[in-house]
Amino acid sequence: MNILCCVVILMVTFDKSVTCFDQFTRHNISLNNTQRTSKFLFDTIFRISSGVSNAFGLETEDDVEYSENNSLSTCDCDCGFSNEENRIVGGKPTGINQYPWMARIIYDGKFHCGGSLLTKDYVISAAHCIKKLRRSKIRIIFGDHDQQITSESQAIQRAVTAVIKHKNFDPDTYNNDIALLRLRKPILFSKIIKPVCLPRYNYDPAGRIGTVVGWGRTSEGGELPSIVNQVKVPIMSLAECRTQKYKSTRITSTMLCAGRPQMDSCQGDSGGPLLLSNGVKYFIVGVVSWGVGCGREGYPGVYTRISKFIPWIKSNLENTCLCS
C-alpha cells in the first residue's frame, strides 16, 4: 500500500515520474534526460535536477526567528489519543474514527487533500494542497471514515476563514511545504473528533516506525478508495535519505523520508499525517509532500518535517489553544 493512502502498494511497472500526492493532471517531464509522461496532482512537477540545499544560500527554518505568540495558550484537553479498540494494522483500512484528527479537505465539492486537526480552530496540511485555491470553495470534513457512507458516524463540515501558507514555500522544490487552515466555526471535541499532538521542536524521528493515514491511492495510478487507510513505514535519517535515488541536494533539512518498496504514501494522501506514537499518544512528525511514483525502490515518500516548523506553527495560531 502507499504511504499516502496508507495502504500496501501493489507494484506495477511505470515510467519514473515525480508525484505530488493529490488530484491529477497530465504533464510531460524530463527525468534522467528521458522524456516521460506522468500524472500529477494540481501542481507543475518540480525539477528533479535542480539543487536545493542551504549551500545554495536558501533560507531554512533554522535561520528564521518568530515573535512569541502571546495569544497561544494550553487548553485543558488531551491530544493524540486514538480509538485503539478499532485498530487494524499492516496497510489495511483503519477502524472507524481510529485517528480522530483526520480531516478531509474538499474543494469545489470534490476530495482534494488530507489534513489533521491541530486545535479546535486549525487544521494543518501541505502548502502545495492549497496554493491557488479559492478559500470560499474549501470545506473540511471531520469524523469521516467511508466517503460513500454518511450514516456510520456523526461527520461534520466546516468552512475556512483563513489559509496560511508558509511564505517561503517553493512550488518547484516543495521546500517549506506546510500550511494552516483556520475554521470558520470551532470544533467541539468528542470521541470521534480530537486533535493530534505536535512533537517538540527539532525532534528527530529517524529509526522509528511511523504510520501514514489517508484516503490516497492504494497503488500507483489506481483508484482513490472510499475508506481511510493506514500503512506502517520506517523513517530514515536525513543522511540515509540523501543516499537514495533522489538528487541529494533535493532533500533539505526541513524534509524527512519514510517508506520501503510497496509500502508508501501515494497520490491523494497529500497533506495527510505521518504519525509517531510514544505508546500513549500520537504525534504528527510529518505531512505528506512529494515523491517519485508510489513505493518504488530507492524512492521513499518525502514529508515536511514538522519538528522544524514548531515556531512557525505557534506564531500563526491566533486566539486558540493547544491541547496537551
C-alpha atoms as a PDB file:
ATOM      1  CA  MET A   1       0.000   0.000   0.000  1.00  0.00           C
ATOM      2  CA  ASN A   2       1.055   3.532  -0.415  1.00  0.00           C
ATOM      3  CA  ILE A   3       2.012   5.605   2.471  1.00  0.00           C
ATOM      4  CA  LEU A   4      -0.065   8.482   1.425  1.00  0.00           C
ATOM      5  CA  CYS A   5      -3.009   6.275   1.111  1.00  0.00           C
ATOM      6  CA  CYS A   6      -1.797   4.266   3.948  1.00  0.00           C
ATOM      7  CA  VAL A   7      -2.205   1.091   2.068  1.00  0.00           C
ATOM      8  CA  VAL A   8       0.127  -1.512   0.704  1.00  0.00           C
ATOM      9  CA  ILE A   9       1.214  -0.623  -2.796  1.00  0.00           C
ATOM     10  CA  LEU A  10       0.647  -3.266  -5.428  1.00  0.00           C
ATOM     11  CA  MET A  11       3.686  -2.640  -7.571  1.00  0.00           C
ATOM     12  CA  VAL A  12       3.100  -2.080 -11.255  1.00  0.00           C
ATOM     13  CA  THR A  13       5.842  -1.140 -13.681  1.00  0.00           C
ATOM     14  CA  PHE A  14       5.604   2.515 -14.654  1.00  0.00           C
ATOM     15  CA  ASP A  15       7.938   5.056 -16.136  1.00  0.00           C
ATOM     16  CA  LYS A  16       9.614   7.074 -13.415  1.00  0.00           C
ATOM     17  CA  SER A  17       7.736  10.201 -12.517  1.00  0.00           C
ATOM     18  CA  VAL A  18       7.762  12.686  -9.727  1.00  0.00           C
ATOM     19  CA  THR A  19       4.454  12.908  -7.958  1.00  0.00           C
ATOM     20  CA  CYS A  20       2.816  15.312  -5.609  1.00  0.00           C
ATOM     21  CA  PHE A  21       0.103  13.399  -3.968  1.00  0.00           C
ATOM     22  CA  ASP A  22      -3.303  14.823  -4.939  1.00  0.00           C
ATOM     23  CA  GLN A  23      -5.710  15.087  -7.890  1.00  0.00           C
ATOM     24  CA  PHE A  24      -4.123  14.556 -11.270  1.00  0.00           C
ATOM     25  CA  THR A  25      -3.461  16.442 -14.476  1.00  0.00           C
ATOM     26  CA  ARG A  26      -1.100  15.282 -17.209  1.00  0.00           C
ATOM     27  CA  HIS A  27       2.390  16.688 -17.605  1.00  0.00           C
ATOM     28  CA  ASN A  28       5.388  15.773 -19.720  1.00  0.00           C
ATOM     29  CA  ILE A  29       8.584  15.856 -17.692  1.00  0.00           C
ATOM     30  CA  SER A  30      12.232  15.167 -18.265  1.00  0.00           C
ATOM     31  CA  LEU A  31      13.841  12.715 -15.854  1.00  0.00           C
ATOM     32  CA  ASN A  32      17.375  11.422 -16.398  1.00  0.00           C
ATOM     33  CA  ASN A  33      17.311  13.062 -19.861  1.00  0.00           C
ATOM     34  CA  THR A  34      14.417  10.853 -20.942  1.00  0.00           C
ATOM     35  CA  GLN A  35      11.006  12.289 -21.866  1.00  0.00           C
ATOM     36  CA  ARG A  36       8.221  10.608 -19.938  1.00  0.00           C
ATOM     37  CA  THR A  37       4.534  11.227 -19.423  1.00  0.00           C
ATOM     38  CA  SER A  38       3.262  11.287 -15.870  1.00  0.00           C
ATOM     39  CA  LYS A  39       0.094  12.013 -13.937  1.00  0.00           C
ATOM     40  CA  PHE A  40       0.227  14.729 -11.335  1.00  0.00           C
ATOM     41  CA  LEU A  41      -1.895  16.450  -8.800  1.00  0.00           C
ATOM     42  CA  PHE A  42      -2.610  20.076  -9.458  1.00  0.00           C
ATOM     43  CA  ASP A  43       0.968  21.265  -9.444  1.00  0.00           C
ATOM     44  CA  THR A  44       3.629  21.542 -12.093  1.00  0.00           C
ATOM     45  CA  ILE A  45       6.291  18.973 -11.465  1.00  0.00           C
ATOM     46  CA  PHE A  46       9.278  20.076  -9.507  1.00  0.00           C
ATOM     47  CA  ARG A  47      12.559  19.986 -11.351  1.00  0.00           C
ATOM     48  CA  ILE A  48      14.339  16.885 -10.080  1.00  0.00           C
ATOM     49  CA  SER A  49      17.700  18.027 -11.362  1.00  0.00           C
ATOM     50  CA  SER A  50      17.694  21.378  -9.576  1.00  0.00           C
ATOM     51  CA  GLY A  51      19.817  21.540  -6.433  1.00  0.00           C
ATOM     52  CA  VAL A  52      18.153  22.685  -3.233  1.00  0.00           C
ATOM     53  CA  SER A  53      20.182  22.991  -0.097  1.00  0.00           C
ATOM     54  CA  ASN A  54      21.469  25.630   2.258  1.00  0.00           C
ATOM     55  CA  ALA A  55      24.729  25.535   0.320  1.00  0.00           C
ATOM     56  CA  PHE A  56      22.861  27.491  -2.334  1.00  0.00           C
ATOM     57  CA  GLY A  57      22.046  30.252   0.141  1.00  0.00           C
ATOM     58  CA  LEU A  58      18.440  29.224   0.743  1.00  0.00           C
ATOM     59  CA  GLU A  59      16.867  30.321   3.978  1.00  0.00           C
ATOM     60  CA  THR A  60      15.959  27.405   6.241  1.00  0.00           C
ATOM     61  CA  GLU A  61      13.678  27.325   9.264  1.00  0.00           C
ATOM     62  CA  ASP A  62      16.771  27.220  11.486  1.00  0.00           C
ATOM     63  CA  ASP A  63      17.678  30.673  10.164  1.00  0.00           C
ATOM     64  CA  VAL A  64      14.307  32.263  10.939  1.00  0.00           C
ATOM     65  CA  GLU A  65      13.154  33.755  14.228  1.00  0.00           C
ATOM     66  CA  TYR A  66       9.458  34.174  15.004  1.00  0.00           C
ATOM     67  CA  SER A  67       7.974  36.519  17.553  1.00  0.00           C
ATOM     68  CA  GLU A  68       6.381  34.861  20.560  1.00  0.00           C
ATOM     69  CA  ASN A  69       2.637  34.349  20.196  1.00  0.00           C
ATOM     70  CA  ASN A  70       1.150  35.712  23.409  1.00  0.00           C
ATOM     71  CA  SER A  71      -2.373  34.693  22.374  1.00  0.00           C
ATOM     72  CA  LEU A  72      -1.462  30.981  22.274  1.00  0.00           C
ATOM     73  CA  SER A  73      -2.100  29.039  25.459  1.00  0.00           C
ATOM     74  CA  THR A  74      -2.520  25.447  26.606  1.00  0.00           C
ATOM     75  CA  CYS A  75      -6.056  24.064  26.816  1.00  0.00           C
ATOM     76  CA  ASP A  76      -7.449  21.717  29.421  1.00  0.00           C
ATOM     77  CA  CYS A  77      -7.862  18.923  26.884  1.00  0.00           C
ATOM     78  CA  ASP A  78      -5.969  15.936  25.522  1.00  0.00           C
ATOM     79  CA  CYS A  79      -4.349  15.438  22.141  1.00  0.00           C
ATOM     80  CA  GLY A  80      -3.149  12.393  20.260  1.00  0.00           C
ATOM     81  CA  PHE A  81      -5.408   9.708  21.733  1.00  0.00           C
ATOM     82  CA  SER A  82      -6.611   7.270  19.086  1.00  0.00           C
ATOM     83  CA  ASN A  83      -9.566   4.938  19.302  1.00  0.00           C
ATOM     84  CA  GLU A  84      -7.331   1.881  19.570  1.00  0.00           C
ATOM     85  CA  GLU A  85     -10.094  -0.642  20.041  1.00  0.00           C
ATOM     86  CA  ASN A  86     -10.769  -0.267  16.310  1.00  0.00           C
ATOM     87  CA  ARG A  87      -7.190  -0.755  15.253  1.00  0.00           C
ATOM     88  CA  ILE A  88      -6.305  -2.800  12.158  1.00  0.00           C
ATOM     89  CA  VAL A  89      -2.667  -2.520  11.043  1.00  0.00           C
ATOM     90  CA  GLY A  90      -0.492  -3.677   8.176  1.00  0.00           C
ATOM     91  CA  GLY A  91      -1.566  -1.484   5.307  1.00  0.00           C
ATOM     92  CA  LYS A  92      -5.271  -2.118   5.748  1.00  0.00           C
ATOM     93  CA  PRO A  93      -8.341   0.038   6.332  1.00  0.00           C
ATOM     94  CA  THR A  94      -8.437   1.707   9.734  1.00  0.00           C
ATOM     95  CA  GLY A  95     -11.177   1.201  12.275  1.00  0.00           C
ATOM     96  CA  ILE A  96     -13.969   3.768  12.178  1.00  0.00           C
ATOM     97  CA  ASN A  97     -12.583   7.067  13.525  1.00  0.00           C
ATOM     98  CA  GLN A  98      -9.426   5.323  14.735  1.00  0.00           C
ATOM     99  CA  TYR A  99      -7.462   8.515  14.095  1.00  0.00           C
ATOM    100  CA  PRO A 100      -9.956  11.187  15.201  1.00  0.00           C
ATOM    101  CA  TRP A 101      -7.868  14.151  13.979  1.00  0.00           C
ATOM    102  CA  MET A 102      -8.116  13.082  10.334  1.00  0.00           C
ATOM    103  CA  ALA A 103      -9.538  15.822   8.125  1.00  0.00           C
ATOM    104  CA  ARG A 104     -10.731  15.516   4.549  1.00  0.00           C
ATOM    105  CA  ILE A 105     -10.208  18.708   2.533  1.00  0.00           C
ATOM    106  CA  ILE A 106     -12.900  19.177  -0.099  1.00  0.00           C
ATOM    107  CA  TYR A 107     -12.562  21.684  -2.931  1.00  0.00           C
ATOM    108  CA  ASP A 108     -15.490  22.636  -5.120  1.00  0.00           C
ATOM    109  CA  GLY A 109     -17.336  19.557  -3.867  1.00  0.00           C
ATOM    110  CA  LYS A 110     -14.559  17.021  -4.552  1.00  0.00           C
ATOM    111  CA  PHE A 111     -11.942  15.332  -2.359  1.00  0.00           C
ATOM    112  CA  HIS A 112      -8.702  17.267  -2.680  1.00  0.00           C
ATOM    113  CA  CYS A 113      -6.217  16.534   0.121  1.00  0.00           C
ATOM    114  CA  GLY A 114      -5.816  15.277   3.647  1.00  0.00           C
ATOM    115  CA  GLY A 115      -5.164  17.260   6.792  1.00  0.00           C
ATOM    116  CA  SER A 116      -5.005  16.937  10.576  1.00  0.00           C
ATOM    117  CA  LEU A 117      -6.933  18.752  13.293  1.00  0.00           C
ATOM    118  CA  LEU A 118      -4.406  20.650  15.405  1.00  0.00           C
ATOM    119  CA  THR A 119      -6.646  22.801  17.628  1.00  0.00           C
ATOM    120  CA  LYS A 120     -10.369  23.472  17.791  1.00  0.00           C
ATOM    121  CA  ASP A 121      -9.788  26.210  15.201  1.00  0.00           C
ATOM    122  CA  TYR A 122      -6.962  24.996  12.945  1.00  0.00           C
ATOM    123  CA  VAL A 123      -6.068  22.207  10.532  1.00  0.00           C
ATOM    124  CA  ILE A 124      -2.506  21.517   9.376  1.00  0.00           C
ATOM    125  CA  SER A 125      -1.825  20.373   5.808  1.00  0.00           C
ATOM    126  CA  ALA A 126       0.613  20.846   2.908  1.00  0.00           C
ATOM    127  CA  ALA A 127       1.116  24.186   1.169  1.00  0.00           C
ATOM    128  CA  HIS A 128       1.002  22.562  -2.267  1.00  0.00           C
ATOM    129  CA  CYS A 129      -2.513  21.381  -1.450  1.00  0.00           C
ATOM    130  CA  ILE A 130      -3.954  24.847  -1.034  1.00  0.00           C
ATOM    131  CA  LYS A 131      -1.998  27.041  -3.421  1.00  0.00           C
ATOM    132  CA  LYS A 132      -4.239  28.723  -5.991  1.00  0.00           C
ATOM    133  CA  LEU A 133      -7.407  27.549  -4.238  1.00  0.00           C
ATOM    134  CA  ARG A 134     -10.314  29.911  -3.633  1.00  0.00           C
ATOM    135  CA  ARG A 135     -10.985  29.937   0.089  1.00  0.00           C
ATOM    136  CA  SER A 136     -14.749  30.178  -0.424  1.00  0.00           C
ATOM    137  CA  LYS A 137     -14.770  26.790  -2.165  1.00  0.00           C
ATOM    138  CA  ILE A 138     -12.855  24.932   0.561  1.00  0.00           C
ATOM    139  CA  ARG A 139     -14.696  22.710   3.032  1.00  0.00           C
ATOM    140  CA  ILE A 140     -13.176  20.407   5.641  1.00  0.00           C
ATOM    141  CA  ILE A 141     -14.890  17.260   6.895  1.00  0.00           C
ATOM    142  CA  PHE A 142     -14.143  15.685  10.294  1.00  0.00           C
ATOM    143  CA  GLY A 143     -15.305  12.415  11.828  1.00  0.00           C
ATOM    144  CA  ASP A 144     -15.402  10.766   8.412  1.00  0.00           C
ATOM    145  CA  HIS A 145     -14.280   7.225   7.574  1.00  0.00           C
ATOM    146  CA  ASP A 146     -16.048   5.962   4.461  1.00  0.00           C
ATOM    147  CA  GLN A 147     -16.736   8.714   1.942  1.00  0.00           C
ATOM    148  CA  GLN A 148     -19.619   6.734   0.478  1.00  0.00           C
ATOM    149  CA  ILE A 149     -21.478   6.174   3.743  1.00  0.00           C
ATOM    150  CA  THR A 150     -22.956   9.044   5.729  1.00  0.00           C
ATOM    151  CA  SER A 151     -24.767   7.049   8.427  1.00  0.00           C
ATOM    152  CA  GLU A 152     -21.788   5.388  10.138  1.00  0.00           C
ATOM    153  CA  SER A 153     -20.646   8.376  12.208  1.00  0.00           C
ATOM    154  CA  GLN A 154     -21.510  11.947  13.036  1.00  0.00           C
ATOM    155  CA  ALA A 155     -19.238  13.614  10.484  1.00  0.00           C
ATOM    156  CA  ILE A 156     -19.250  17.403  10.496  1.00  0.00           C
ATOM    157  CA  GLN A 157     -18.216  20.012   7.951  1.00  0.00           C
ATOM    158  CA  ARG A 158     -16.528  23.377   8.354  1.00  0.00           C
ATOM    159  CA  ALA A 159     -15.846  26.312   6.054  1.00  0.00           C
ATOM    160  CA  VAL A 160     -12.487  28.109   6.166  1.00  0.00           C
ATOM    161  CA  THR A 161     -11.854  31.751   7.065  1.00  0.00           C
ATOM    162  CA  ALA A 162      -8.084  31.861   6.508  1.00  0.00           C
ATOM    163  CA  VAL A 163      -5.482  29.914   4.554  1.00  0.00           C
ATOM    164  CA  ILE A 164      -1.929  30.392   5.863  1.00  0.00           C
ATOM    165  CA  LYS A 165       0.739  29.069   3.521  1.00  0.00           C
ATOM    166  CA  HIS A 166       4.407  29.241   4.512  1.00  0.00           C
ATOM    167  CA  LYS A 167       5.768  32.375   2.845  1.00  0.00           C
ATOM    168  CA  ASN A 168       8.893  30.510   1.695  1.00  0.00           C
ATOM    169  CA  PHE A 169       7.055  27.577   0.142  1.00  0.00           C
ATOM    170  CA  ASP A 170       8.729  26.737  -3.176  1.00  0.00           C
ATOM    171  CA  PRO A 171       6.337  25.129  -5.709  1.00  0.00           C
ATOM    172  CA  ASP A 172       9.284  23.829  -7.745  1.00  0.00           C
ATOM    173  CA  THR A 173      11.147  22.055  -4.948  1.00  0.00           C
ATOM    174  CA  TYR A 174       8.386  21.671  -2.341  1.00  0.00           C
ATOM    175  CA  ASN A 175      10.630  23.110   0.332  1.00  0.00           C
ATOM    176  CA  ASN A 176       8.624  24.519   3.298  1.00  0.00           C
ATOM    177  CA  ASP A 177       5.539  22.586   2.175  1.00  0.00           C
ATOM    178  CA  ILE A 178       3.294  23.424   5.108  1.00  0.00           C
ATOM    179  CA  ALA A 179       0.045  25.316   5.629  1.00  0.00           C
ATOM    180  CA  LEU A 180      -2.607  26.046   8.251  1.00  0.00           C
ATOM    181  CA  LEU A 181      -6.328  26.481   7.621  1.00  0.00           C
ATOM    182  CA  ARG A 182      -8.472  28.367  10.132  1.00  0.00           C
ATOM    183  CA  LEU A 183     -12.007  27.061  10.580  1.00  0.00           C
ATOM    184  CA  ARG A 184     -14.969  29.404  10.438  1.00  0.00           C
ATOM    185  CA  LYS A 185     -16.549  27.692  13.449  1.00  0.00           C
ATOM    186  CA  PRO A 186     -14.583  25.966  16.254  1.00  0.00           C
ATOM    187  CA  ILE A 187     -14.722  22.196  16.645  1.00  0.00           C
ATOM    188  CA  LEU A 188     -16.325  20.696  19.731  1.00  0.00           C
ATOM    189  CA  PHE A 189     -14.080  17.760  20.612  1.00  0.00           C
ATOM    190  CA  SER A 190     -15.688  14.342  21.046  1.00  0.00           C
ATOM    191  CA  LYS A 191     -14.726  10.665  20.921  1.00  0.00           C
ATOM    192  CA  ILE A 192     -14.650  10.735  17.121  1.00  0.00           C
ATOM    193  CA  ILE A 193     -13.104  14.202  16.655  1.00  0.00           C
ATOM    194  CA  LYS A 194      -9.953  15.054  18.613  1.00  0.00           C
ATOM    195  CA  PRO A 195      -6.672  16.893  17.852  1.00  0.00           C
ATOM    196  CA  VAL A 196      -3.267  15.377  17.184  1.00  0.00           C
ATOM    197  CA  CYS A 197      -0.195  16.356  19.225  1.00  0.00           C
ATOM    198  CA  LEU A 198       2.781  18.352  17.974  1.00  0.00           C
ATOM    199  CA  PRO A 199       6.308  16.999  18.510  1.00  0.00           C
ATOM    200  CA  ARG A 200       8.887  19.054  20.337  1.00  0.00           C
ATOM    201  CA  TYR A 201      10.998  21.474  18.331  1.00  0.00           C
ATOM    202  CA  ASN A 202      13.798  19.792  16.335  1.00  0.00           C
ATOM    203  CA  TYR A 203      12.746  16.274  17.401  1.00  0.00           C
ATOM    204  CA  ASP A 204      14.312  13.694  15.054  1.00  0.00           C
ATOM    205  CA  PRO A 205      12.166  10.560  14.472  1.00  0.00           C
ATOM    206  CA  ALA A 206      14.847   8.727  12.453  1.00  0.00           C
ATOM    207  CA  GLY A 207      14.912   4.986  13.088  1.00  0.00           C
ATOM    208  CA  ARG A 208      11.321   4.839  14.318  1.00  0.00           C
ATOM    209  CA  ILE A 209       8.327   3.234  12.614  1.00  0.00           C
ATOM    210  CA  GLY A 210       5.686   5.760  11.631  1.00  0.00           C
ATOM    211  CA  THR A 211       2.104   5.430  10.426  1.00  0.00           C
ATOM    212  CA  VAL A 212       0.754   7.220   7.373  1.00  0.00           C
ATOM    213  CA  VAL A 213      -3.000   7.709   7.213  1.00  0.00           C
ATOM    214  CA  GLY A 214      -5.123   8.920   4.315  1.00  0.00           C
ATOM    215  CA  TRP A 215      -7.606   8.429   1.502  1.00  0.00           C
ATOM    216  CA  GLY A 216      -4.913   8.235  -1.194  1.00  0.00           C
ATOM    217  CA  ARG A 217      -4.492   5.637  -3.911  1.00  0.00           C
ATOM    218  CA  THR A 218      -3.510   2.152  -2.809  1.00  0.00           C
ATOM    219  CA  SER A 219      -1.404   1.556  -5.922  1.00  0.00           C
ATOM    220  CA  GLU A 220       0.335   3.754  -8.456  1.00  0.00           C
ATOM    221  CA  GLY A 221      -2.282   5.017 -10.896  1.00  0.00           C
ATOM    222  CA  GLY A 222      -5.054   3.204  -9.014  1.00  0.00           C
ATOM    223  CA  GLU A 223      -8.439   4.466  -7.906  1.00  0.00           C
ATOM    224  CA  LEU A 224      -8.993   6.561  -4.802  1.00  0.00           C
ATOM    225  CA  PRO A 225     -10.512   4.380  -2.047  1.00  0.00           C
ATOM    226  CA  SER A 226     -13.617   5.448  -0.173  1.00  0.00           C
ATOM    227  CA  ILE A 227     -12.265   4.256   3.190  1.00  0.00           C
ATOM    228  CA  VAL A 228      -9.357   5.835   5.061  1.00  0.00           C
ATOM    229  CA  ASN A 229      -6.276   3.602   5.091  1.00  0.00           C
ATOM    230  CA  GLN A 230      -3.027   3.323   7.012  1.00  0.00           C
ATOM    231  CA  VAL A 231       0.429   1.885   6.458  1.00  0.00           C
ATOM    232  CA  LYS A 232       3.493   1.402   8.666  1.00  0.00           C
ATOM    233  CA  VAL A 233       6.700   2.926   7.307  1.00  0.00           C
ATOM    234  CA  PRO A 234      10.297   3.129   8.589  1.00  0.00           C
ATOM    235  CA  ILE A 235      11.546   6.703   8.997  1.00  0.00           C
ATOM    236  CA  MET A 236      15.002   7.398   7.585  1.00  0.00           C
ATOM    237  CA  SER A 237      17.694   9.737   8.826  1.00  0.00           C
ATOM    238  CA  LEU A 238      18.459  12.761   6.679  1.00  0.00           C
ATOM    239  CA  ALA A 239      21.807  11.229   5.726  1.00  0.00           C
ATOM    240  CA  GLU A 240      20.191   7.940   4.691  1.00  0.00           C
ATOM    241  CA  CYS A 241      17.545   9.716   2.645  1.00  0.00           C
ATOM    242  CA  ARG A 242      20.235  11.585   0.744  1.00  0.00           C
ATOM    243  CA  THR A 243      21.809   8.261  -0.275  1.00  0.00           C
ATOM    244  CA  GLN A 244      18.622   7.174  -2.036  1.00  0.00           C
ATOM    245  CA  LYS A 245      17.987   7.744  -5.749  1.00  0.00           C
ATOM    246  CA  TYR A 246      16.902  11.348  -5.283  1.00  0.00           C
ATOM    247  CA  LYS A 247      19.487  14.020  -6.019  1.00  0.00           C
ATOM    248  CA  SER A 248      20.986  14.590  -2.560  1.00  0.00           C
ATOM    249  CA  THR A 249      20.560  18.372  -2.683  1.00  0.00           C
ATOM    250  CA  ARG A 250      16.828  17.917  -3.333  1.00  0.00           C
ATOM    251  CA  ILE A 251      16.350  16.696   0.246  1.00  0.00           C
ATOM    252  CA  THR A 252      16.577  19.654   2.620  1.00  0.00           C
ATOM    253  CA  SER A 253      16.797  19.671   6.409  1.00  0.00           C
ATOM    254  CA  THR A 254      13.079  20.542   6.594  1.00  0.00           C
ATOM    255  CA  MET A 255      12.115  17.280   4.876  1.00  0.00           C
ATOM    256  CA  LEU A 256      12.152  13.675   6.043  1.00  0.00           C
ATOM    257  CA  CYS A 257      11.876  10.395   4.170  1.00  0.00           C
ATOM    258  CA  ALA A 258       9.922   7.290   5.094  1.00  0.00           C
ATOM    259  CA  GLY A 259       8.835   4.095   3.420  1.00  0.00           C
ATOM    260  CA  ARG A 260      10.018   0.936   1.759  1.00  0.00           C
ATOM    261  CA  PRO A 261       9.137  -0.795  -1.511  1.00  0.00           C
ATOM    262  CA  GLN A 262       5.397  -1.437  -1.786  1.00  0.00           C
ATOM    263  CA  MET A 263       4.765   0.413   1.488  1.00  0.00           C
ATOM    264  CA  ASP A 264       4.445   4.098   0.755  1.00  0.00           C
ATOM    265  CA  SER A 265       2.154   7.087   0.549  1.00  0.00           C
ATOM    266  CA  CYS A 266       0.644   7.840  -2.839  1.00  0.00           C
ATOM    267  CA  GLN A 267      -1.475  10.266  -4.852  1.00  0.00           C
ATOM    268  CA  GLY A 268      -4.404  11.537  -2.812  1.00  0.00           C
ATOM    269  CA  ASP A 269      -2.544  11.331   0.506  1.00  0.00           C
ATOM    270  CA  SER A 270      -1.035  14.815   0.161  1.00  0.00           C
ATOM    271  CA  GLY A 271      -1.370  16.929   3.266  1.00  0.00           C
ATOM    272  CA  GLY A 272      -2.142  13.934   5.451  1.00  0.00           C
ATOM    273  CA  PRO A 273      -0.131  12.989   8.561  1.00  0.00           C
ATOM    274  CA  LEU A 274       2.897  10.831   9.198  1.00  0.00           C
ATOM    275  CA  LEU A 275       2.296   9.805  12.812  1.00  0.00           C
ATOM    276  CA  LEU A 276       4.523   8.529  15.579  1.00  0.00           C
ATOM    277  CA  SER A 277       3.296   7.017  18.846  1.00  0.00           C
ATOM    278  CA  ASN A 278       5.062   7.127  22.209  1.00  0.00           C
ATOM    279  CA  GLY A 279       2.889   4.228  23.353  1.00  0.00           C
ATOM    280  CA  VAL A 280       0.223   6.534  24.715  1.00  0.00           C
ATOM    281  CA  LYS A 281      -0.298   9.405  22.291  1.00  0.00           C
ATOM    282  CA  TYR A 282       0.215  10.082  18.608  1.00  0.00           C
ATOM    283  CA  PHE A 283       2.325  12.976  17.336  1.00  0.00           C
ATOM    284  CA  ILE A 284       2.351  14.367  13.815  1.00  0.00           C
ATOM    285  CA  VAL A 285       6.001  14.263  12.727  1.00  0.00           C
ATOM    286  CA  GLY A 286       5.426  14.696   9.004  1.00  0.00           C
ATOM    287  CA  VAL A 287       2.998  15.940   6.375  1.00  0.00           C
ATOM    288  CA  VAL A 288       2.764  14.031   3.091  1.00  0.00           C
ATOM    289  CA  SER A 289       4.530  16.168   0.490  1.00  0.00           C
ATOM    290  CA  TRP A 290       6.085  14.551  -2.598  1.00  0.00           C
ATOM    291  CA  GLY A 291       7.879  11.585  -4.115  1.00  0.00           C
ATOM    292  CA  VAL A 292       8.606   9.644  -7.291  1.00  0.00           C
ATOM    293  CA  GLY A 293       5.842   7.186  -8.055  1.00  0.00           C
ATOM    294  CA  CYS A 294       4.488   5.110  -5.183  1.00  0.00           C
ATOM    295  CA  GLY A 295       6.511   2.567  -3.224  1.00  0.00           C
ATOM    296  CA  ARG A 296       9.342   2.406  -5.748  1.00  0.00           C
ATOM    297  CA  GLU A 297      12.749   1.010  -4.829  1.00  0.00           C
ATOM    298  CA  GLY A 298      15.078   3.863  -3.871  1.00  0.00           C
ATOM    299  CA  TYR A 299      12.334   6.495  -3.862  1.00  0.00           C
ATOM    300  CA  PRO A 300      10.821   6.765  -0.364  1.00  0.00           C
ATOM    301  CA  GLY A 301       7.990   9.167   0.320  1.00  0.00           C
ATOM    302  CA  VAL A 302       9.118  12.676   1.246  1.00  0.00           C
ATOM    303  CA  TYR A 303       7.396  14.558   4.071  1.00  0.00           C
ATOM    304  CA  THR A 304       7.522  18.010   5.586  1.00  0.00           C
ATOM    305  CA  ARG A 305       9.498  17.680   8.829  1.00  0.00           C
ATOM    306  CA  ILE A 306       7.037  19.148  11.350  1.00  0.00           C
ATOM    307  CA  SER A 307       9.531  19.492  14.214  1.00  0.00           C
ATOM    308  CA  LYS A 308      11.399  22.134  12.191  1.00  0.00           C
ATOM    309  CA  PHE A 309       8.262  24.249  11.913  1.00  0.00           C
ATOM    310  CA  ILE A 310       7.062  24.366  15.525  1.00  0.00           C
ATOM    311  CA  PRO A 311       7.955  28.089  15.932  1.00  0.00           C
ATOM    312  CA  TRP A 312       6.229  28.909  12.621  1.00  0.00           C
ATOM    313  CA  ILE A 313       3.122  26.937  13.581  1.00  0.00           C
ATOM    314  CA  LYS A 314       2.806  28.532  17.009  1.00  0.00           C
ATOM    315  CA  SER A 315       3.391  32.032  15.648  1.00  0.00           C
ATOM    316  CA  ASN A 316       0.491  31.610  13.216  1.00  0.00           C
ATOM    317  CA  LEU A 317      -2.099  30.162  15.601  1.00  0.00           C
ATOM    318  CA  GLU A 318      -4.291  33.079  16.667  1.00  0.00           C
ATOM    319  CA  ASN A 319      -6.816  33.173  19.510  1.00  0.00           C
ATOM    320  CA  THR A 320      -6.716  29.450  20.089  1.00  0.00           C
ATOM    321  CA  CYS A 321      -5.002  26.956  22.379  1.00  0.00           C
ATOM    322  CA  LEU A 322      -3.126  23.682  22.063  1.00  0.00           C
ATOM    323  CA  CYS A 323      -4.225  20.559  23.894  1.00  0.00           C
ATOM    324  CA  SER A 324      -1.541  18.809  25.928  1.00  0.00           C
END
